[in-house]
Amino acid sequence: MTDITDINPNTITTAELERITGKSTTEQVADPPCLMYFSAAWCAPCKALSPRIEAFAAKHPELDVKKIDVDTQRELAQLYNIKGIPTLVLMIDSDEKFRVSGASPEIEEKIEALLPSK
């Protein structure tokens, strides 16, 4: 089961940041798809969306889900041009394939349609 991992500025490594952002001077290796979930502790829509994302992550163990707090990870939020939260960004092979802000009911179906076949 894939857990949502909170990225903490005190624990994130350069390798993890490079893997998430796809920005590296070394050769890229095929990584599992990554869903970045930008949120904040004070955000009511984020709190409502979190259980859905947790359930989605449990249903899709092939997907690496990262929960990113925009208040503690401002540089990462700026890098991805996050203007509102919640925002989900799906990365496949270091390319952004999908982005959505808000908590619309069809988010999971749209992401599932983009995931590589198992």
C-alpha atoms as a PDB file:
ATOM      1  CA  MET A   1       0.000   0.000   0.000  1.00  0.00           C
ATOM      2  CA  THR A   2       1.284   3.446  -0.893  1.00  0.00           C
ATOM      3  CA  ASP A   3       1.116   5.988   1.873  1.00  0.00           C
ATOM      4  CA  ILE A   4       0.856   9.677   1.330  1.00  0.00           C
ATOM      5  CA  THR A   5       4.224  11.072   2.314  1.00  0.00           C
ATOM      6  CA  ASP A   6       4.412  14.553   3.744  1.00  0.00           C
ATOM      7  CA  ILE A   7       7.474  16.291   2.400  1.00  0.00           C
ATOM      8  CA  ASN A   8       9.171  18.079   5.239  1.00  0.00           C
ATOM      9  CA  PRO A   9      11.908  20.654   4.545  1.00  0.00           C
ATOM     10  CA  ASN A  10      14.022  19.086   7.275  1.00  0.00           C
ATOM     11  CA  THR A  11      13.885  15.588   5.795  1.00  0.00           C
ATOM     12  CA  ILE A  12      13.717  15.995   2.014  1.00  0.00           C
ATOM     13  CA  THR A  13      16.878  14.878   0.252  1.00  0.00           C
ATOM     14  CA  THR A  14      18.358  16.257  -2.935  1.00  0.00           C
ATOM     15  CA  ALA A  15      17.751  12.914  -4.632  1.00  0.00           C
ATOM     16  CA  GLU A  16      14.074  12.955  -3.622  1.00  0.00           C
ATOM     17  CA  LEU A  17      13.639  16.522  -4.843  1.00  0.00           C
ATOM     18  CA  GLU A  18      15.329  15.650  -8.141  1.00  0.00           C
ATOM     19  CA  ARG A  19      13.085  12.598  -8.523  1.00  0.00           C
ATOM     20  CA  ILE A  20       9.939  14.607  -7.845  1.00  0.00           C
ATOM     21  CA  THR A  21      10.836  17.586  -9.988  1.00  0.00           C
ATOM     22  CA  GLY A  22      12.603  15.729 -12.779  1.00  0.00           C
ATOM     23  CA  LYS A  23      15.349  18.354 -12.599  1.00  0.00           C
ATOM     24  CA  SER A  24      18.704  16.604 -12.566  1.00  0.00           C
ATOM     25  CA  THR A  25      22.062  16.767 -14.253  1.00  0.00           C
ATOM     26  CA  THR A  26      22.296  12.984 -14.199  1.00  0.00           C
ATOM     27  CA  GLU A  27      20.621  10.566 -16.569  1.00  0.00           C
ATOM     28  CA  GLN A  28      16.943  10.071 -15.805  1.00  0.00           C
ATOM     29  CA  VAL A  29      15.757   6.605 -14.881  1.00  0.00           C
ATOM     30  CA  ALA A  30      12.164   5.525 -15.421  1.00  0.00           C
ATOM     31  CA  ASP A  31      10.421   6.200 -12.117  1.00  0.00           C
ATOM     32  CA  PRO A  32       6.947   5.224 -11.010  1.00  0.00           C
ATOM     33  CA  PRO A  33       4.268   7.800 -11.766  1.00  0.00           C
ATOM     34  CA  CYS A  34       4.160  10.471  -9.080  1.00  0.00           C
ATOM     35  CA  LEU A  35       1.078  12.357  -7.930  1.00  0.00           C
ATOM     36  CA  MET A  36       1.970  15.536  -6.067  1.00  0.00           C
ATOM     37  CA  TYR A  37      -0.808  16.781  -3.822  1.00  0.00           C
ATOM     38  CA  PHE A  38      -0.212  20.432  -2.888  1.00  0.00           C
ATOM     39  CA  SER A  39      -2.165  21.437   0.197  1.00  0.00           C
ATOM     40  CA  ALA A  40      -2.007  23.296   3.515  1.00  0.00           C
ATOM     41  CA  ALA A  41      -3.058  22.429   7.045  1.00  0.00           C
ATOM     42  CA  TRP A  42      -5.498  25.356   7.218  1.00  0.00           C
ATOM     43  CA  CYS A  43      -7.196  24.593   3.866  1.00  0.00           C
ATOM     44  CA  ALA A  44     -10.745  23.216   4.294  1.00  0.00           C
ATOM     45  CA  PRO A  45     -11.026  21.853   0.702  1.00  0.00           C
ATOM     46  CA  CYS A  46      -7.643  20.135   1.205  1.00  0.00           C
ATOM     47  CA  LYS A  47      -8.937  18.466   4.367  1.00  0.00           C
ATOM     48  CA  ALA A  48     -11.991  17.262   2.464  1.00  0.00           C
ATOM     49  CA  LEU A  49      -9.884  15.939  -0.439  1.00  0.00           C
ATOM     50  CA  SER A  50      -7.263  14.138   1.682  1.00  0.00           C
ATOM     51  CA  PRO A  51      -9.343  10.995   2.424  1.00  0.00           C
ATOM     52  CA  ARG A  52     -10.114  10.634  -1.285  1.00  0.00           C
ATOM     53  CA  ILE A  53      -6.428  10.889  -2.184  1.00  0.00           C
ATOM     54  CA  GLU A  54      -5.501   8.401   0.546  1.00  0.00           C
ATOM     55  CA  ALA A  55      -8.069   5.916  -0.799  1.00  0.00           C
ATOM     56  CA  PHE A  56      -6.846   6.506  -4.352  1.00  0.00           C
ATOM     57  CA  ALA A  57      -3.244   5.898  -3.262  1.00  0.00           C
ATOM     58  CA  ALA A  58      -4.258   2.632  -1.574  1.00  0.00           C
ATOM     59  CA  LYS A  59      -6.037   1.522  -4.755  1.00  0.00           C
ATOM     60  CA  HIS A  60      -2.986   2.358  -6.914  1.00  0.00           C
ATOM     61  CA  PRO A  61       0.206   1.055  -5.278  1.00  0.00           C
ATOM     62  CA  GLU A  62       2.074   1.718  -8.535  1.00  0.00           C
ATOM     63  CA  LEU A  63       1.557   5.449  -7.955  1.00  0.00           C
ATOM     64  CA  ASP A  64       3.953   7.381  -5.715  1.00  0.00           C
ATOM     65  CA  VAL A  65       1.778   9.953  -3.914  1.00  0.00           C
ATOM     66  CA  LYS A  66       3.419  12.941  -2.218  1.00  0.00           C
ATOM     67  CA  LYS A  67       1.509  15.377  -0.035  1.00  0.00           C
ATOM     68  CA  ILE A  68       3.274  18.736  -0.150  1.00  0.00           C
ATOM     69  CA  ASP A  69       2.478  21.506   2.331  1.00  0.00           C
ATOM     70  CA  VAL A  70       2.751  24.790   0.421  1.00  0.00           C
ATOM     71  CA  ASP A  71       3.509  26.705   3.624  1.00  0.00           C
ATOM     72  CA  THR A  72       6.632  24.680   4.416  1.00  0.00           C
ATOM     73  CA  GLN A  73       7.604  23.875   0.808  1.00  0.00           C
ATOM     74  CA  ARG A  74       7.278  27.296  -0.814  1.00  0.00           C
ATOM     75  CA  GLU A  75      10.138  26.724  -3.266  1.00  0.00           C
ATOM     76  CA  LEU A  76       8.567  23.529  -4.586  1.00  0.00           C
ATOM     77  CA  ALA A  77       5.162  25.234  -4.838  1.00  0.00           C
ATOM     78  CA  GLN A  78       6.778  28.097  -6.775  1.00  0.00           C
ATOM     79  CA  LEU A  79       8.662  25.668  -9.023  1.00  0.00           C
ATOM     80  CA  TYR A  80       5.333  24.098  -9.988  1.00  0.00           C
ATOM     81  CA  ASN A  81       3.573  27.460 -10.232  1.00  0.00           C
ATOM     82  CA  ILE A  82       0.951  26.529  -7.640  1.00  0.00           C
ATOM     83  CA  LYS A  83      -1.579  29.373  -7.485  1.00  0.00           C
ATOM     84  CA  GLY A  84      -4.359  27.703  -5.502  1.00  0.00           C
ATOM     85  CA  ILE A  85      -4.878  24.697  -3.307  1.00  0.00           C
ATOM     86  CA  PRO A  86      -5.641  21.900  -3.342  1.00  0.00           C
ATOM     87  CA  THR A  87      -3.705  21.238  -6.545  1.00  0.00           C
ATOM     88  CA  LEU A  88      -2.796  17.820  -7.913  1.00  0.00           C
ATOM     89  CA  VAL A  89       0.041  17.367 -10.406  1.00  0.00           C
ATOM     90  CA  LEU A  90       0.601  13.998 -12.070  1.00  0.00           C
ATOM     91  CA  MET A  91       4.157  13.341 -13.266  1.00  0.00           C
ATOM     92  CA  ILE A  92       4.938  10.403 -15.545  1.00  0.00           C
ATOM     93  CA  ASP A  93       8.556   9.899 -16.634  1.00  0.00           C
ATOM     94  CA  SER A  94       9.412  13.373 -15.290  1.00  0.00           C
ATOM     95  CA  ASP A  95       6.763  15.021 -17.497  1.00  0.00           C
ATOM     96  CA  GLU A  96       3.678  16.760 -16.202  1.00  0.00           C
ATOM     97  CA  LYS A  97       0.695  14.869 -17.629  1.00  0.00           C
ATOM     98  CA  PHE A  98      -2.179  16.331 -15.620  1.00  0.00           C
ATOM     99  CA  ARG A  99      -2.894  19.241 -13.284  1.00  0.00           C
ATOM    100  CA  VAL A 100      -6.060  20.235 -11.500  1.00  0.00           C
ATOM    101  CA  SER A 101      -6.885  22.701  -8.761  1.00  0.00           C
ATOM    102  CA  GLY A 102      -9.893  22.155  -6.533  1.00  0.00           C
ATOM    103  CA  ALA A 103     -11.675  19.025  -5.439  1.00  0.00           C
ATOM    104  CA  SER A 104     -13.913  18.118  -8.349  1.00  0.00           C
ATOM    105  CA  PRO A 105     -15.588  14.696  -8.116  1.00  0.00           C
ATOM    106  CA  GLU A 106     -14.019  13.274 -11.294  1.00  0.00           C
ATOM    107  CA  ILE A 107     -10.342  13.808 -10.366  1.00  0.00           C
ATOM    108  CA  GLU A 108      -9.663  10.141  -9.656  1.00  0.00           C
ATOM    109  CA  GLU A 109     -11.139   8.974 -12.967  1.00  0.00           C
ATOM    110  CA  LYS A 110      -9.071  11.474 -14.945  1.00  0.00           C
ATOM    111  CA  ILE A 111      -5.851  10.401 -13.221  1.00  0.00           C
ATOM    112  CA  GLU A 112      -6.650   6.690 -13.656  1.00  0.00           C
ATOM    113  CA  ALA A 113      -7.126   7.232 -17.394  1.00  0.00           C
ATOM    114  CA  LEU A 114      -3.587   8.643 -17.642  1.00  0.00           C
ATOM    115  CA  LEU A 115      -1.761   6.009 -15.595  1.00  0.00           C
ATOM    116  CA  PRO A 116       0.322   3.487 -17.525  1.00  0.00           C
ATOM    117  CA  SER A 117      -1.205   0.037 -17.805  1.00  0.00           C
ATOM    118  CA  LYS A 118      -0.113  -2.421 -15.126  1.00  0.00           C
END
